[in-house]
Amino acid sequence: MSRLYKIVEASAWDAAIQAGTFVGAEIDLQDGYIHLSTAAQAAETARLHFAGREGLLLVAVEAQALGDALKWEPSRGGDLFPHLYGTLAPDLAIETRPLRLNGDGWPDPGWLAP
């Protein structure tokens, strides 16, 4: 199983559950795809894009469940990042948990541990 992660505001995820689909955050809508991260990329994504924010969730999805809409494209430092070209059905979430970041924007140690 290959998990991918989306960091999202809890209010946006709650709205997605009510609507039955997550269309993306503001940056996703601007870029034309939903930004996802691997486990190895997610902490840096949190630090770079979510430092100082509260009310965040970490949503885990199975990469295979996203089908052909999932594309791996070069991004930060040339690393390949998962981008979802389409919407994300909330029922594909295999785990959703609060994400707390320290003062520097890094997640607490062990944040991806089951």
PDB file of N, CA and C in Angstrom:
ATOM      1  N   MET A   1       0.845  -1.174   0.000  1.00  0.00           N
ATOM      2  CA  MET A   1       0.000   0.000   0.000  1.00  0.00           C
ATOM      3  C   MET A   1       0.889   1.235   0.000  1.00  0.00           C
ATOM      4  N   SER A   2       0.596   2.181  -0.880  1.00  0.00           N
ATOM      5  CA  SER A   2       1.369   3.402  -0.990  1.00  0.00           C
ATOM      6  C   SER A   2       0.480   4.586  -0.631  1.00  0.00           C
ATOM      7  N   ARG A   3       0.718   5.134   0.554  1.00  0.00           N
ATOM      8  CA  ARG A   3      -0.108   6.248   1.019  1.00  0.00           C
ATOM      9  C   ARG A   3       0.419   7.574   0.497  1.00  0.00           C
ATOM     10  N   LEU A   4      -0.523   8.439   0.169  1.00  0.00           N
ATOM     11  CA  LEU A   4      -0.237   9.820  -0.166  1.00  0.00           C
ATOM     12  C   LEU A   4      -1.006  10.681   0.820  1.00  0.00           C
ATOM     13  N   TYR A   5      -0.531  11.918   0.995  1.00  0.00           N
ATOM     14  CA  TYR A   5      -1.096  12.783   2.021  1.00  0.00           C
ATOM     15  C   TYR A   5      -1.497  14.134   1.455  1.00  0.00           C
ATOM     16  N   LYS A   6      -2.601  14.636   1.981  1.00  0.00           N
ATOM     17  CA  LYS A   6      -3.060  15.990   1.696  1.00  0.00           C
ATOM     18  C   LYS A   6      -3.198  16.710   3.016  1.00  0.00           C
ATOM     19  N   ILE A   7      -2.560  17.861   3.117  1.00  0.00           N
ATOM     20  CA  ILE A   7      -2.726  18.719   4.285  1.00  0.00           C
ATOM     21  C   ILE A   7      -3.806  19.719   3.924  1.00  0.00           C
ATOM     22  N   VAL A   8      -4.825  19.797   4.750  1.00  0.00           N
ATOM     23  CA  VAL A   8      -5.999  20.606   4.420  1.00  0.00           C
ATOM     24  C   VAL A   8      -6.591  21.210   5.691  1.00  0.00           C
ATOM     25  N   GLU A   9      -7.201  22.367   5.552  1.00  0.00           N
ATOM     26  CA  GLU A   9      -7.905  22.963   6.677  1.00  0.00           C
ATOM     27  C   GLU A   9      -9.102  22.084   7.025  1.00  0.00           C
ATOM     28  N   ALA A  10      -9.324  21.885   8.312  1.00  0.00           N
ATOM     29  CA  ALA A  10     -10.422  21.026   8.760  1.00  0.00           C
ATOM     30  C   ALA A  10     -11.764  21.523   8.221  1.00  0.00           C
ATOM     31  N   SER A  11     -11.957  22.820   8.171  1.00  0.00           N
ATOM     32  CA  SER A  11     -13.235  23.357   7.672  1.00  0.00           C
ATOM     33  C   SER A  11     -13.435  23.018   6.194  1.00  0.00           C
ATOM     34  N   ALA A  12     -12.366  23.043   5.416  1.00  0.00           N
ATOM     35  CA  ALA A  12     -12.472  22.696   3.992  1.00  0.00           C
ATOM     36  C   ALA A  12     -12.780  21.216   3.821  1.00  0.00           C
ATOM     37  N   TRP A  13     -12.180  20.376   4.657  1.00  0.00           N
ATOM     38  CA  TRP A  13     -12.446  18.942   4.564  1.00  0.00           C
ATOM     39  C   TRP A  13     -13.883  18.627   5.005  1.00  0.00           C
ATOM     40  N   ASP A  14     -14.340  19.308   6.057  1.00  0.00           N
ATOM     41  CA  ASP A  14     -15.727  19.131   6.495  1.00  0.00           C
ATOM     42  C   ASP A  14     -16.695  19.511   5.374  1.00  0.00           C
ATOM     43  N   ALA A  15     -16.399  20.602   4.677  1.00  0.00           N
ATOM     44  CA  ALA A  15     -17.244  21.031   3.557  1.00  0.00           C
ATOM     45  C   ALA A  15     -17.206  19.998   2.434  1.00  0.00           C
ATOM     46  N   ALA A  16     -16.041  19.408   2.210  1.00  0.00           N
ATOM     47  CA  ALA A  16     -15.912  18.379   1.172  1.00  0.00           C
ATOM     48  C   ALA A  16     -16.750  17.146   1.521  1.00  0.00           C
ATOM     49  N   ILE A  17     -16.742  16.785   2.781  1.00  0.00           N
ATOM     50  CA  ILE A  17     -17.550  15.638   3.219  1.00  0.00           C
ATOM     51  C   ILE A  17     -19.030  15.930   2.964  1.00  0.00           C
ATOM     52  N   GLN A  18     -19.461  17.128   3.301  1.00  0.00           N
ATOM     53  CA  GLN A  18     -20.865  17.507   3.085  1.00  0.00           C
ATOM     54  C   GLN A  18     -21.214  17.508   1.596  1.00  0.00           C
ATOM     55  N   ALA A  19     -20.275  17.981   0.764  1.00  0.00           N
ATOM     56  CA  ALA A  19     -20.512  18.074  -0.684  1.00  0.00           C
ATOM     57  C   ALA A  19     -20.293  16.746  -1.400  1.00  0.00           C
ATOM     58  N   GLY A  20     -19.547  15.848  -0.754  1.00  0.00           N
ATOM     59  CA  GLY A  20     -19.239  14.569  -1.374  1.00  0.00           C
ATOM     60  C   GLY A  20     -18.010  14.598  -2.257  1.00  0.00           C
ATOM     61  N   THR A  21     -17.317  15.751  -2.301  1.00  0.00           N
ATOM     62  CA  THR A  21     -16.099  15.846  -3.108  1.00  0.00           C
ATOM     63  C   THR A  21     -15.223  16.995  -2.611  1.00  0.00           C
ATOM     64  N   PHE A  22     -13.926  16.804  -2.715  1.00  0.00           N
ATOM     65  CA  PHE A  22     -12.955  17.853  -2.402  1.00  0.00           C
ATOM     66  C   PHE A  22     -12.396  18.342  -3.722  1.00  0.00           C
ATOM     67  N   VAL A  23     -12.646  19.610  -4.028  1.00  0.00           N
ATOM     68  CA  VAL A  23     -12.191  20.164  -5.303  1.00  0.00           C
ATOM     69  C   VAL A  23     -10.800  20.773  -5.194  1.00  0.00           C
ATOM     70  N   GLY A  24     -10.327  20.962  -3.953  1.00  0.00           N
ATOM     71  CA  GLY A  24      -8.992  21.489  -3.739  1.00  0.00           C
ATOM     72  C   GLY A  24      -9.006  22.767  -2.925  1.00  0.00           C
ATOM     73  N   ALA A  25      -7.842  23.086  -2.392  1.00  0.00           N
ATOM     74  CA  ALA A  25      -7.631  24.339  -1.687  1.00  0.00           C
ATOM     75  C   ALA A  25      -7.352  25.431  -2.723  1.00  0.00           C
ATOM     76  N   GLU A  26      -7.212  26.650  -2.264  1.00  0.00           N
ATOM     77  CA  GLU A  26      -6.995  27.774  -3.186  1.00  0.00           C
ATOM     78  C   GLU A  26      -5.811  27.539  -4.122  1.00  0.00           C
ATOM     79  N   ILE A  27      -4.688  27.076  -3.582  1.00  0.00           N
ATOM     80  CA  ILE A  27      -3.512  26.839  -4.432  1.00  0.00           C
ATOM     81  C   ILE A  27      -3.761  25.720  -5.433  1.00  0.00           C
ATOM     82  N   ASP A  28      -4.536  24.710  -5.034  1.00  0.00           N
ATOM     83  CA  ASP A  28      -4.872  23.622  -5.948  1.00  0.00           C
ATOM     84  C   ASP A  28      -5.695  24.156  -7.126  1.00  0.00           C
ATOM     85  N   LEU A  29      -6.662  24.987  -6.798  1.00  0.00           N
ATOM     86  CA  LEU A  29      -7.523  25.549  -7.837  1.00  0.00           C
ATOM     87  C   LEU A  29      -6.723  26.442  -8.786  1.00  0.00           C
ATOM     88  N   GLN A  30      -5.775  27.188  -8.247  1.00  0.00           N
ATOM     89  CA  GLN A  30      -4.927  28.047  -9.080  1.00  0.00           C
ATOM     90  C   GLN A  30      -4.046  27.219 -10.010  1.00  0.00           C
ATOM     91  N   ASP A  31      -3.502  26.129  -9.497  1.00  0.00           N
ATOM     92  CA  ASP A  31      -2.557  25.321 -10.266  1.00  0.00           C
ATOM     93  C   ASP A  31      -3.241  24.298 -11.181  1.00  0.00           C
ATOM     94  N   GLY A  32      -4.505  24.011 -10.937  1.00  0.00           N
ATOM     95  CA  GLY A  32      -5.237  23.094 -11.795  1.00  0.00           C
ATOM     96  C   GLY A  32      -5.143  21.634 -11.398  1.00  0.00           C
ATOM     97  N   TYR A  33      -4.641  21.366 -10.210  1.00  0.00           N
ATOM     98  CA  TYR A  33      -4.565  20.001  -9.690  1.00  0.00           C
ATOM     99  C   TYR A  33      -4.459  20.051  -8.175  1.00  0.00           C
ATOM    100  N   ILE A  34      -4.762  18.945  -7.522  1.00  0.00           N
ATOM    101  CA  ILE A  34      -4.659  18.854  -6.066  1.00  0.00           C
ATOM    102  C   ILE A  34      -3.254  18.386  -5.716  1.00  0.00           C
ATOM    103  N   HIS A  35      -2.572  19.195  -4.930  1.00  0.00           N
ATOM    104  CA  HIS A  35      -1.223  18.876  -4.475  1.00  0.00           C
ATOM    105  C   HIS A  35      -1.283  17.801  -3.398  1.00  0.00           C
ATOM    106  N   LEU A  36      -0.525  16.753  -3.581  1.00  0.00           N
ATOM    107  CA  LEU A  36      -0.382  15.690  -2.586  1.00  0.00           C
ATOM    108  C   LEU A  36       1.101  15.527  -2.285  1.00  0.00           C
ATOM    109  N   SER A  37       1.414  14.793  -1.238  1.00  0.00           N
ATOM    110  CA  SER A  37       2.803  14.516  -0.867  1.00  0.00           C
ATOM    111  C   SER A  37       2.953  13.069  -0.454  1.00  0.00           C
ATOM    112  N   THR A  38       4.146  12.547  -0.659  1.00  0.00           N
ATOM    113  CA  THR A  38       4.481  11.236  -0.100  1.00  0.00           C
ATOM    114  C   THR A  38       4.808  11.429   1.373  1.00  0.00           C
ATOM    115  N   ALA A  39       4.993  10.335   2.087  1.00  0.00           N
ATOM    116  CA  ALA A  39       5.381  10.430   3.496  1.00  0.00           C
ATOM    117  C   ALA A  39       6.712  11.167   3.640  1.00  0.00           C
ATOM    118  N   ALA A  40       7.632  10.938   2.710  1.00  0.00           N
ATOM    119  CA  ALA A  40       8.946  11.584   2.778  1.00  0.00           C
ATOM    120  C   ALA A  40       8.873  13.078   2.472  1.00  0.00           C
ATOM    121  N   GLN A  41       7.846  13.523   1.771  1.00  0.00           N
ATOM    122  CA  GLN A  41       7.728  14.925   1.366  1.00  0.00           C
ATOM    123  C   GLN A  41       6.810  15.746   2.267  1.00  0.00           C
ATOM    124  N   ALA A  42       5.948  15.104   3.012  1.00  0.00           N
ATOM    125  CA  ALA A  42       4.871  15.803   3.707  1.00  0.00           C
ATOM    126  C   ALA A  42       5.350  16.759   4.797  1.00  0.00           C
ATOM    127  N   ALA A  43       6.379  16.410   5.544  1.00  0.00           N
ATOM    128  CA  ALA A  43       6.847  17.301   6.607  1.00  0.00           C
ATOM    129  C   ALA A  43       7.371  18.614   6.035  1.00  0.00           C
ATOM    130  N   GLU A  44       8.130  18.544   4.965  1.00  0.00           N
ATOM    131  CA  GLU A  44       8.650  19.763   4.333  1.00  0.00           C
ATOM    132  C   GLU A  44       7.504  20.573   3.721  1.00  0.00           C
ATOM    133  N   THR A  45       6.526  19.902   3.161  1.00  0.00           N
ATOM    134  CA  THR A  45       5.346  20.602   2.636  1.00  0.00           C
ATOM    135  C   THR A  45       4.655  21.354   3.764  1.00  0.00           C
ATOM    136  N   ALA A  46       4.498  20.709   4.904  1.00  0.00           N
ATOM    137  CA  ALA A  46       3.870  21.353   6.061  1.00  0.00           C
ATOM    138  C   ALA A  46       4.664  22.591   6.471  1.00  0.00           C
ATOM    139  N   ARG A  47       5.978  22.456   6.562  1.00  0.00           N
ATOM    140  CA  ARG A  47       6.821  23.576   6.995  1.00  0.00           C
ATOM    141  C   ARG A  47       6.771  24.729   6.005  1.00  0.00           C
ATOM    142  N   LEU A  48       6.848  24.437   4.724  1.00  0.00           N
ATOM    143  CA  LEU A  48       6.898  25.486   3.704  1.00  0.00           C
ATOM    144  C   LEU A  48       5.566  26.195   3.488  1.00  0.00           C
ATOM    145  N   HIS A  49       4.467  25.455   3.582  1.00  0.00           N
ATOM    146  CA  HIS A  49       3.186  26.024   3.165  1.00  0.00           C
ATOM    147  C   HIS A  49       2.151  26.194   4.272  1.00  0.00           C
ATOM    148  N   PHE A  50       2.403  25.630   5.460  1.00  0.00           N
ATOM    149  CA  PHE A  50       1.377  25.667   6.492  1.00  0.00           C
ATOM    150  C   PHE A  50       1.877  26.161   7.846  1.00  0.00           C
ATOM    151  N   ALA A  51       3.126  26.591   7.947  1.00  0.00           N
ATOM    152  CA  ALA A  51       3.677  27.070   9.225  1.00  0.00           C
ATOM    153  C   ALA A  51       2.795  28.187   9.787  1.00  0.00           C
ATOM    154  N   GLY A  52       2.545  28.117  11.082  1.00  0.00           N
ATOM    155  CA  GLY A  52       1.760  29.139  11.752  1.00  0.00           C
ATOM    156  C   GLY A  52       0.258  28.977  11.623  1.00  0.00           C
ATOM    157  N   ARG A  53      -0.174  27.943  10.934  1.00  0.00           N
ATOM    158  CA  ARG A  53      -1.618  27.745  10.757  1.00  0.00           C
ATOM    159  C   ARG A  53      -2.123  26.672  11.710  1.00  0.00           C
ATOM    160  N   GLU A  54      -3.354  26.847  12.122  1.00  0.00           N
ATOM    161  CA  GLU A  54      -4.010  25.885  13.010  1.00  0.00           C
ATOM    162  C   GLU A  54      -5.243  25.337  12.308  1.00  0.00           C
ATOM    163  N   GLY A  55      -5.839  24.328  12.909  1.00  0.00           N
ATOM    164  CA  GLY A  55      -7.052  23.752  12.352  1.00  0.00           C
ATOM    165  C   GLY A  55      -6.795  22.944  11.099  1.00  0.00           C
ATOM    166  N   LEU A  56      -5.615  22.277  11.062  1.00  0.00           N
ATOM    167  CA  LEU A  56      -5.238  21.484   9.897  1.00  0.00           C
ATOM    168  C   LEU A  56      -5.517  20.002  10.114  1.00  0.00           C
ATOM    169  N   LEU A  57      -5.752  19.317   9.014  1.00  0.00           N
ATOM    170  CA  LEU A  57      -5.885  17.869   9.026  1.00  0.00           C
ATOM    171  C   LEU A  57      -4.856  17.270   8.084  1.00  0.00           C
ATOM    172  N   LEU A  58      -4.446  16.066   8.402  1.00  0.00           N
ATOM    173  CA  LEU A  58      -3.632  15.261   7.511  1.00  0.00           C
ATOM    174  C   LEU A  58      -4.536  14.139   7.001  1.00  0.00           C
ATOM    175  N   VAL A  59      -4.773  14.149   5.699  1.00  0.00           N
ATOM    176  CA  VAL A  59      -5.660  13.165   5.073  1.00  0.00           C
ATOM    177  C   VAL A  59      -4.798  12.193   4.278  1.00  0.00           C
ATOM    178  N   ALA A  60      -4.949  10.907   4.547  1.00  0.00           N
ATOM    179  CA  ALA A  60      -4.186   9.874   3.841  1.00  0.00           C
ATOM    180  C   ALA A  60      -5.101   9.164   2.853  1.00  0.00           C
ATOM    181  N   VAL A  61      -4.563   8.937   1.652  1.00  0.00           N
ATOM    182  CA  VAL A  61      -5.278   8.196   0.623  1.00  0.00           C
ATOM    183  C   VAL A  61      -4.329   7.171   0.017  1.00  0.00           C
ATOM    184  N   GLU A  62      -4.902   6.145  -0.533  1.00  0.00           N
ATOM    185  CA  GLU A  62      -4.133   5.115  -1.216  1.00  0.00           C
ATOM    186  C   GLU A  62      -3.888   5.582  -2.655  1.00  0.00           C
ATOM    187  N   ALA A  63      -2.638   5.620  -3.072  1.00  0.00           N
ATOM    188  CA  ALA A  63      -2.286   6.112  -4.412  1.00  0.00           C
ATOM    189  C   ALA A  63      -3.044   5.357  -5.499  1.00  0.00           C
ATOM    190  N   GLN A  64      -3.130   4.058  -5.395  1.00  0.00           N
ATOM    191  CA  GLN A  64      -3.784   3.257  -6.432  1.00  0.00           C
ATOM    192  C   GLN A  64      -5.260   3.607  -6.595  1.00  0.00           C
ATOM    193  N   ALA A  65      -5.896   4.068  -5.537  1.00  0.00           N
ATOM    194  CA  ALA A  65      -7.317   4.408  -5.598  1.00  0.00           C
ATOM    195  C   ALA A  65      -7.580   5.641  -6.461  1.00  0.00           C
ATOM    196  N   LEU A  66      -6.537   6.411  -6.749  1.00  0.00           N
ATOM    197  CA  LEU A  66      -6.704   7.650  -7.514  1.00  0.00           C
ATOM    198  C   LEU A  66      -6.658   7.427  -9.020  1.00  0.00           C
ATOM    199  N   GLY A  67      -6.215   6.254  -9.427  1.00  0.00           N
ATOM    200  CA  GLY A  67      -6.233   5.884 -10.838  1.00  0.00           C
ATOM    201  C   GLY A  67      -5.377   6.767 -11.730  1.00  0.00           C
ATOM    202  N   ASP A  68      -5.846   6.918 -12.963  1.00  0.00           N
ATOM    203  CA  ASP A  68      -5.093   7.658 -13.979  1.00  0.00           C
ATOM    204  C   ASP A  68      -5.071   9.159 -13.740  1.00  0.00           C
ATOM    205  N   ALA A  69      -5.892   9.661 -12.830  1.00  0.00           N
ATOM    206  CA  ALA A  69      -5.903  11.097 -12.533  1.00  0.00           C
ATOM    207  C   ALA A  69      -4.664  11.510 -11.740  1.00  0.00           C
ATOM    208  N   LEU A  70      -3.940  10.538 -11.192  1.00  0.00           N
ATOM    209  CA  LEU A  70      -2.719  10.811 -10.427  1.00  0.00           C
ATOM    210  C   LEU A  70      -1.526  10.857 -11.368  1.00  0.00           C
ATOM    211  N   LYS A  71      -0.820  11.972 -11.323  1.00  0.00           N
ATOM    212  CA  LYS A  71       0.385  12.155 -12.141  1.00  0.00           C
ATOM    213  C   LYS A  71       1.547  12.501 -11.228  1.00  0.00           C
ATOM    214  N   TRP A  72       2.719  11.983 -11.562  1.00  0.00           N
ATOM    215  CA  TRP A  72       3.939  12.280 -10.804  1.00  0.00           C
ATOM    216  C   TRP A  72       4.747  13.276 -11.621  1.00  0.00           C
ATOM    217  N   GLU A  73       4.954  14.471 -11.057  1.00  0.00           N
ATOM    218  CA  GLU A  73       5.589  15.547 -11.805  1.00  0.00           C
ATOM    219  C   GLU A  73       6.695  16.201 -10.979  1.00  0.00           C
ATOM    220  N   PRO A  74       7.750  16.679 -11.659  1.00  0.00           N
ATOM    221  CA  PRO A  74       8.844  17.333 -10.940  1.00  0.00           C
ATOM    222  C   PRO A  74       8.373  18.622 -10.277  1.00  0.00           C
ATOM    223  N   SER A  75       8.880  18.840  -9.088  1.00  0.00           N
ATOM    224  CA  SER A  75       8.551  20.050  -8.344  1.00  0.00           C
ATOM    225  C   SER A  75       9.771  20.442  -7.528  1.00  0.00           C
ATOM    226  N   ARG A  76       9.562  20.728  -6.261  1.00  0.00           N
ATOM    227  CA  ARG A  76      10.615  21.212  -5.365  1.00  0.00           C
ATOM    228  C   ARG A  76      11.878  20.365  -5.473  1.00  0.00           C
ATOM    229  N   GLY A  77      12.971  20.993  -5.853  1.00  0.00           N
ATOM    230  CA  GLY A  77      14.258  20.301  -5.924  1.00  0.00           C
ATOM    231  C   GLY A  77      14.314  19.213  -6.972  1.00  0.00           C
ATOM    232  N   GLY A  78      13.381  19.200  -7.906  1.00  0.00           N
ATOM    233  CA  GLY A  78      13.366  18.170  -8.935  1.00  0.00           C
ATOM    234  C   GLY A  78      12.702  16.875  -8.499  1.00  0.00           C
ATOM    235  N   ASP A  79      12.285  16.790  -7.222  1.00  0.00           N
ATOM    236  CA  ASP A  79      11.585  15.591  -6.757  1.00  0.00           C
ATOM    237  C   ASP A  79      10.268  15.435  -7.507  1.00  0.00           C
ATOM    238  N   LEU A  80       9.875  14.195  -7.707  1.00  0.00           N
ATOM    239  CA  LEU A  80       8.575  13.924  -8.298  1.00  0.00           C
ATOM    240  C   LEU A  80       7.506  13.987  -7.204  1.00  0.00           C
ATOM    241  N   PHE A  81       6.504  14.811  -7.429  1.00  0.00           N
ATOM    242  CA  PHE A  81       5.406  14.962  -6.479  1.00  0.00           C
ATOM    243  C   PHE A  81       4.126  14.429  -7.099  1.00  0.00           C
ATOM    244  N   PRO A  82       3.241  13.855  -6.270  1.00  0.00           N
ATOM    245  CA  PRO A  82       1.962  13.380  -6.765  1.00  0.00           C
ATOM    246  C   PRO A  82       0.973  14.538  -6.910  1.00  0.00           C
ATOM    247  N   HIS A  83       0.399  14.656  -8.093  1.00  0.00           N
ATOM    248  CA  HIS A  83      -0.612  15.675  -8.380  1.00  0.00           C
ATOM    249  C   HIS A  83      -1.865  14.972  -8.875  1.00  0.00           C
ATOM    250  N   LEU A  84      -2.987  15.334  -8.295  1.00  0.00           N
ATOM    251  CA  LEU A  84      -4.260  14.728  -8.665  1.00  0.00           C
ATOM    252  C   LEU A  84      -5.018  15.677  -9.585  1.00  0.00           C
ATOM    253  N   TYR A  85      -5.176  15.266 -10.823  1.00  0.00           N
ATOM    254  CA  TYR A  85      -5.920  16.048 -11.809  1.00  0.00           C
ATOM    255  C   TYR A  85      -7.372  15.606 -11.779  1.00  0.00           C
ATOM    256  N   GLY A  86      -8.107  16.213 -10.903  1.00  0.00           N
ATOM    257  CA  GLY A  86      -9.505  15.879 -10.692  1.00  0.00           C
ATOM    258  C   GLY A  86      -9.869  16.170  -9.258  1.00  0.00           C
ATOM    259  N   THR A  87     -11.015  15.729  -8.855  1.00  0.00           N
ATOM    260  CA  THR A  87     -11.451  15.943  -7.479  1.00  0.00           C
ATOM    261  C   THR A  87     -11.101  14.720  -6.636  1.00  0.00           C
ATOM    262  N   LEU A  88     -11.182  14.902  -5.341  1.00  0.00           N
ATOM    263  CA  LEU A  88     -10.881  13.822  -4.404  1.00  0.00           C
ATOM    264  C   LEU A  88     -12.157  13.490  -3.625  1.00  0.00           C
ATOM    265  N   ALA A  89     -12.608  12.267  -3.755  1.00  0.00           N
ATOM    266  CA  ALA A  89     -13.783  11.823  -3.000  1.00  0.00           C
ATOM    267  C   ALA A  89     -13.381  11.596  -1.544  1.00  0.00           C
ATOM    268  N   PRO A  90     -14.036  12.256  -0.597  1.00  0.00           N
ATOM    269  CA  PRO A  90     -13.678  12.083   0.811  1.00  0.00           C
ATOM    270  C   PRO A  90     -13.729  10.633   1.282  1.00  0.00           C
ATOM    271  N   ASP A  91     -14.566   9.806   0.668  1.00  0.00           N
ATOM    272  CA  ASP A  91     -14.647   8.420   1.109  1.00  0.00           C
ATOM    273  C   ASP A  91     -13.409   7.607   0.712  1.00  0.00           C
ATOM    274  N   LEU A  92     -12.499   8.202  -0.071  1.00  0.00           N
ATOM    275  CA  LEU A  92     -11.227   7.530  -0.369  1.00  0.00           C
ATOM    276  C   LEU A  92     -10.203   7.699   0.753  1.00  0.00           C
ATOM    277  N   ALA A  93     -10.491   8.580   1.694  1.00  0.00           N
ATOM    278  CA  ALA A  93      -9.571   8.792   2.819  1.00  0.00           C
ATOM    279  C   ALA A  93      -9.505   7.530   3.668  1.00  0.00           C
ATOM    280  N   ILE A  94      -8.295   7.011   3.838  1.00  0.00           N
ATOM    281  CA  ILE A  94      -8.123   5.831   4.681  1.00  0.00           C
ATOM    282  C   ILE A  94      -7.749   6.227   6.100  1.00  0.00           C
ATOM    283  N   GLU A  95      -7.394   7.489   6.271  1.00  0.00           N
ATOM    284  CA  GLU A  95      -7.111   8.018   7.600  1.00  0.00           C
ATOM    285  C   GLU A  95      -7.187   9.535   7.523  1.00  0.00           C
ATOM    286  N   THR A  96      -7.748  10.117   8.570  1.00  0.00           N
ATOM    287  CA  THR A  96      -7.799  11.573   8.715  1.00  0.00           C
ATOM    288  C   THR A  96      -7.492  11.873  10.167  1.00  0.00           C
ATOM    289  N   ARG A  97      -6.503  12.748  10.383  1.00  0.00           N
ATOM    290  CA  ARG A  97      -6.164  13.091  11.762  1.00  0.00           C
ATOM    291  C   ARG A  97      -5.719  14.542  11.861  1.00  0.00           C
ATOM    292  N   PRO A  98      -5.887  15.136  13.047  1.00  0.00           N
ATOM    293  CA  PRO A  98      -5.425  16.509  13.235  1.00  0.00           C
ATOM    294  C   PRO A  98      -3.910  16.598  13.024  1.00  0.00           C
ATOM    295  N   LEU A  99      -3.479  17.704  12.445  1.00  0.00           N
ATOM    296  CA  LEU A  99      -2.066  17.947  12.214  1.00  0.00           C
ATOM    297  C   LEU A  99      -1.668  19.186  12.997  1.00  0.00           C
ATOM    298  N   ARG A 100      -0.767  18.993  13.927  1.00  0.00           N
ATOM    299  CA  ARG A 100      -0.265  20.109  14.729  1.00  0.00           C
ATOM    300  C   ARG A 100       1.190  20.354  14.357  1.00  0.00           C
ATOM    301  N   LEU A 101       1.511  21.618  14.141  1.00  0.00           N
ATOM    302  CA  LEU A 101       2.861  22.002  13.759  1.00  0.00           C
ATOM    303  C   LEU A 101       3.503  22.788  14.892  1.00  0.00           C
ATOM    304  N   ASN A 102       4.818  22.621  15.057  1.00  0.00           N
ATOM    305  CA  ASN A 102       5.517  23.381  16.098  1.00  0.00           C
ATOM    306  C   ASN A 102       5.760  24.806  15.599  1.00  0.00           C
ATOM    307  N   GLY A 103       6.435  25.615  16.388  1.00  0.00           N
ATOM    308  CA  GLY A 103       6.664  27.014  16.050  1.00  0.00           C
ATOM    309  C   GLY A 103       7.420  27.236  14.762  1.00  0.00           C
ATOM    310  N   ASP A 104       8.212  26.250  14.347  1.00  0.00           N
ATOM    311  CA  ASP A 104       8.966  26.357  13.098  1.00  0.00           C
ATOM    312  C   ASP A 104       8.204  25.782  11.905  1.00  0.00           C
ATOM    313  N   GLY A 105       7.016  25.276  12.153  1.00  0.00           N
ATOM    314  CA  GLY A 105       6.212  24.724  11.072  1.00  0.00           C
ATOM    315  C   GLY A 105       6.387  23.243  10.846  1.00  0.00           C
ATOM    316  N   TRP A 106       7.209  22.582  11.654  1.00  0.00           N
ATOM    317  CA  TRP A 106       7.426  21.142  11.502  1.00  0.00           C
ATOM    318  C   TRP A 106       6.379  20.381  12.295  1.00  0.00           C
ATOM    319  N   PRO A 107       5.910  19.257  11.779  1.00  0.00           N
ATOM    320  CA  PRO A 107       5.003  18.398  12.541  1.00  0.00           C
ATOM    321  C   PRO A 107       5.728  17.808  13.752  1.00  0.00           C
ATOM    322  N   ASP A 108       4.942  17.447  14.750  1.00  0.00           N
ATOM    323  CA  ASP A 108       5.506  16.790  15.923  1.00  0.00           C
ATOM    324  C   ASP A 108       6.149  15.467  15.530  1.00  0.00           C
ATOM    325  N   PRO A 109       7.211  15.050  16.249  1.00  0.00           N
ATOM    326  CA  PRO A 109       7.845  13.753  15.950  1.00  0.00           C
ATOM    327  C   PRO A 109       6.821  12.620  16.003  1.00  0.00           C
ATOM    328  N   GLY A 110       6.972  11.682  15.111  1.00  0.00           N
ATOM    329  CA  GLY A 110       6.086  10.527  15.077  1.00  0.00           C
ATOM    330  C   GLY A 110       4.733  10.804  14.463  1.00  0.00           C
ATOM    331  N   TRP A 111       4.586  11.923  13.763  1.00  0.00           N
ATOM    332  CA  TRP A 111       3.290  12.331  13.255  1.00  0.00           C
ATOM    333  C   TRP A 111       2.709  11.405  12.220  1.00  0.00           C
ATOM    334  N   LEU A 112       3.553  10.651  11.516  1.00  0.00           N
ATOM    335  CA  LEU A 112       3.023   9.702  10.526  1.00  0.00           C
ATOM    336  C   LEU A 112       2.948   8.275  11.066  1.00  0.00           C
ATOM    337  N   ALA A 113       3.320   8.095  12.326  1.00  0.00           N
ATOM    338  CA  ALA A 113       3.278   6.751  12.914  1.00  0.00           C
ATOM    339  C   ALA A 113       1.820   6.323  13.079  1.00  0.00           C
ATOM    340  N   PRO A 114       1.527   5.054  12.824  1.00  0.00           N
ATOM    341  CA  PRO A 114       0.143   4.574  12.975  1.00  0.00           C
ATOM    342  C   PRO A 114      -0.302   4.607  14.422  1.00  0.00           C
TER     343      PRO A 114
END
